[in-house]
Protein backbone atom coordinates (compact mmCIF):
# COMPACT_ATOMS: atom_id res chain seq x y z
CA MET A 1 6.21 -17.42 13.01
CA ARG A 2 5.48 -18.51 9.37
CA TRP A 3 5.22 -15.00 8.45
CA MET A 4 9.25 -14.67 9.41
CA HIS A 5 10.38 -17.79 7.66
CA SER A 6 8.85 -16.92 4.09
CA THR A 7 9.87 -13.35 4.46
CA ALA A 8 13.34 -14.64 4.82
CA ALA A 9 12.26 -17.30 2.24
CA LEU A 10 11.66 -13.61 -0.30
CA LEU A 11 14.19 -11.69 1.05
CA PHE A 12 16.91 -13.93 0.15
CA GLY A 13 15.82 -16.81 -2.38
CA ALA A 14 13.37 -14.81 -4.65
CA ALA A 15 13.76 -13.04 -8.15
CA PHE A 16 14.01 -9.10 -7.70
CA LEU A 17 11.45 -7.84 -10.63
CA LEU A 18 11.95 -3.98 -11.46
CA ALA A 19 8.48 -2.59 -12.59
CA GLU A 20 7.92 -0.42 -15.43
CA PRO A 21 6.53 3.57 -14.14
CA VAL A 22 3.61 4.76 -14.12
CA ALA A 23 1.76 7.29 -14.79
CA ALA A 24 -0.56 9.28 -12.59
CA ALA A 25 -4.06 8.17 -13.15
CA GLY A 26 -7.03 10.82 -13.38
CA ALA A 27 -8.79 11.53 -9.78
CA GLY A 28 -11.37 8.41 -10.89
CA ASP A 29 -9.02 5.78 -11.91
CA VAL A 30 -7.57 2.92 -9.69
CA SER A 31 -5.37 1.09 -12.30
CA ALA A 32 -2.19 3.24 -12.03
CA VAL A 33 -0.52 0.34 -9.48
CA LYS A 34 -1.13 -1.39 -13.01
CA SER A 35 2.47 -2.93 -13.78
CA ALA A 36 3.53 -5.73 -16.48
CA ALA A 37 5.62 -7.36 -14.03
CA LEU A 38 3.05 -7.36 -11.48
CA PRO A 39 0.86 -11.09 -10.77
CA ALA A 40 -2.28 -9.66 -11.81
CA ALA A 41 -3.69 -10.74 -8.12
CA ILE A 42 -1.85 -7.99 -6.23
CA GLU A 43 -2.47 -5.47 -8.36
CA GLY A 44 -6.09 -6.50 -7.76
CA THR A 45 -5.67 -5.52 -4.18
CA LEU A 46 -3.21 -2.83 -3.87
CA SER A 47 -5.66 -1.20 -7.24
CA SER A 48 -8.55 -2.60 -4.02
CA MET A 49 -6.72 -0.20 -1.55
CA LEU A 50 -5.54 2.62 -3.41
CA GLY A 51 -10.04 2.88 -4.34
CA ALA A 52 -10.84 2.53 -1.08
CA MET A 53 -8.20 4.81 0.19
CA ARG A 54 -9.89 7.52 -2.31
CA GLY A 55 -13.19 6.33 -2.17
CA ARG A 56 -12.48 6.74 2.57
CA ASP A 57 -14.38 3.69 2.40
CA ALA A 58 -13.46 1.84 6.01
CA ALA A 59 -15.24 -1.12 4.59
CA ALA A 60 -13.51 -1.34 1.47
CA LEU A 61 -10.30 -0.99 3.04
CA ASP A 62 -10.62 -3.20 5.83
CA ARG A 63 -11.11 -6.29 2.60
CA THR A 64 -6.92 -5.53 1.31
CA LEU A 65 -6.05 -6.38 5.60
CA ALA A 66 -4.29 -9.71 6.28
CA GLN A 67 -6.54 -11.62 8.32
CA GLY A 68 -3.73 -14.34 9.27
CA ILE A 69 -1.81 -12.02 10.56
CA GLU A 70 -2.34 -8.76 12.66
CA PRO A 71 -2.00 -5.88 9.86
CA GLN A 72 0.40 -2.98 10.50
CA ILE A 73 0.70 0.80 9.16
CA VAL A 74 4.02 2.37 9.48
CA TYR A 75 3.12 6.65 9.12
CA TYR A 76 6.41 8.35 7.36
CA TRP A 77 6.09 10.73 10.63
CA GLY A 78 6.71 7.72 13.17
CA GLU A 79 3.59 5.95 14.81
CA THR A 80 2.47 3.47 14.46
CA VAL A 81 -0.37 1.81 13.72
CA SER A 82 -1.56 -2.29 14.87
CA GLY A 83 -4.20 -3.91 14.26
CA ARG A 84 -7.24 -4.75 12.00
CA ASP A 85 -9.79 -1.65 14.52
CA ALA A 86 -6.84 0.48 15.30
CA ILE A 87 -6.44 0.74 11.13
CA LEU A 88 -9.74 1.17 10.57
CA GLN A 89 -10.60 3.70 12.94
CA TRP A 90 -7.73 6.30 12.48
CA HIS A 91 -9.05 5.52 8.50
CA ARG A 92 -12.20 6.10 9.48
CA GLU A 93 -10.66 9.65 11.22
CA TRP A 94 -8.50 10.61 7.99
CA PHE A 95 -11.45 10.16 6.07
CA ALA A 96 -13.83 12.62 7.81
CA GLU A 97 -11.07 15.02 6.67
CA THR A 98 -11.86 17.24 3.40
CA GLY A 99 -9.56 19.03 1.21
CA TRP A 100 -7.02 16.28 0.65
CA SER A 101 -6.27 14.12 -2.05
CA ILE A 102 -3.54 10.80 -3.33
CA GLU A 103 -2.17 10.94 -6.55
CA PRO A 104 -0.45 7.25 -7.50
CA GLY A 105 2.68 7.80 -8.85
CA PRO A 106 5.56 4.05 -10.11
CA ILE A 107 5.69 2.02 -8.94
CA THR A 108 9.77 1.44 -7.75
CA HIS A 109 10.77 -1.78 -7.36
CA ALA A 110 8.39 -5.52 -6.50
CA LEU A 111 9.65 -8.82 -4.77
CA VAL A 112 6.75 -11.89 -5.18
CA GLY A 113 7.66 -14.91 -4.05
CA ALA A 114 5.61 -18.02 -4.08
CA ASP A 115 3.93 -16.53 0.29
CA VAL A 116 4.47 -13.08 -0.08
CA ALA A 117 5.53 -10.62 -1.58
CA VAL A 118 7.32 -6.35 -1.51
CA VAL A 119 5.51 -3.54 -3.76
CA SER A 120 7.05 -0.33 -3.76
CA ALA A 121 5.60 2.62 -5.36
CA THR A 122 5.66 6.45 -4.62
CA MET A 123 2.02 8.56 -3.87
CA ARG A 124 1.37 12.21 -3.62
CA TYR A 125 -0.71 13.24 -0.94
CA ILE A 126 -1.78 16.48 -1.52
CA LYS A 127 -3.44 18.32 1.82
CA SER A 128 -3.46 21.78 -0.31
CA ALA A 129 -1.93 23.53 -3.28
CA GLU A 130 0.37 24.56 -0.34
CA ARG A 131 0.71 21.35 0.73
CA GLN A 132 1.77 18.09 -0.50
CA PHE A 133 3.94 15.53 0.16
CA LEU A 134 5.98 12.82 -1.54
CA ILE A 135 5.98 9.66 0.16
CA LEU A 136 7.32 6.28 -0.42
CA VAL A 137 4.78 3.39 -0.28
CA SER A 138 6.38 -0.03 0.60
CA HIS A 139 4.19 -2.14 0.91
CA GLU A 140 4.02 -6.53 2.33
CA LEU A 141 1.96 -8.53 1.19
CA THR A 142 0.84 -11.81 2.22
CA ARG A 143 -0.79 -15.28 0.72
CA GLU A 144 -4.13 -15.81 2.33
CA ALA A 145 -6.89 -18.15 1.25
CA SER A 146 -9.36 -15.38 0.00
CA GLY A 147 -5.94 -13.61 -2.44
CA TRP A 148 -3.49 -11.48 -1.74
CA LYS A 149 -3.87 -9.59 1.22
CA VAL A 150 -1.75 -6.08 3.23
CA ALA A 151 -0.18 -6.92 5.64
CA ARG A 152 2.08 -3.75 6.40
CA ILE A 153 2.85 -0.76 5.12
CA GLN A 154 5.66 1.28 5.60
CA GLN A 155 5.94 4.94 4.12
CA THR A 156 8.57 6.59 3.94
CA LEU A 157 8.78 10.92 3.39
CA LEU A 158 10.01 11.98 -0.32
CA GLU A 159 9.76 15.30 -0.01
CA GLY A 160 6.92 17.61 1.08
CA PRO A 161 6.57 21.01 3.87
CA GLU A 162 8.50 20.40 7.27
């Protein structure tokens, strides 16, 4: 219930911040989520999540997920994965696949409140030269005692093969 009230307060009372777009970084550089408009702690969480995915590191990904509520990911093809264990298992299976990479794009917007935040950015998911997808990824974060954590991710396909 706290999450719903905080989200409502964020949506109706927080300032809208337009983050400056950032260029996609190289494969080892997770600074691509950096923006002057985002608090450093939120940048750190998103950079850690990107690093975990690029490094195919489920334990590092786990450290970015919310503890106080059940995290959830809604993928662009309609699949919803809820709960820490299910999310980590899904990612372990994805991490085992070879040949893919992800390249972060610009942050399109950020809405930051005292205890919740929404940050959206584009991401290019490259399965092969012929199979590339441009995805809008919206991260909903919550502030916990241990810092900002990702509570929910919603993906929207912007471009990609059928």
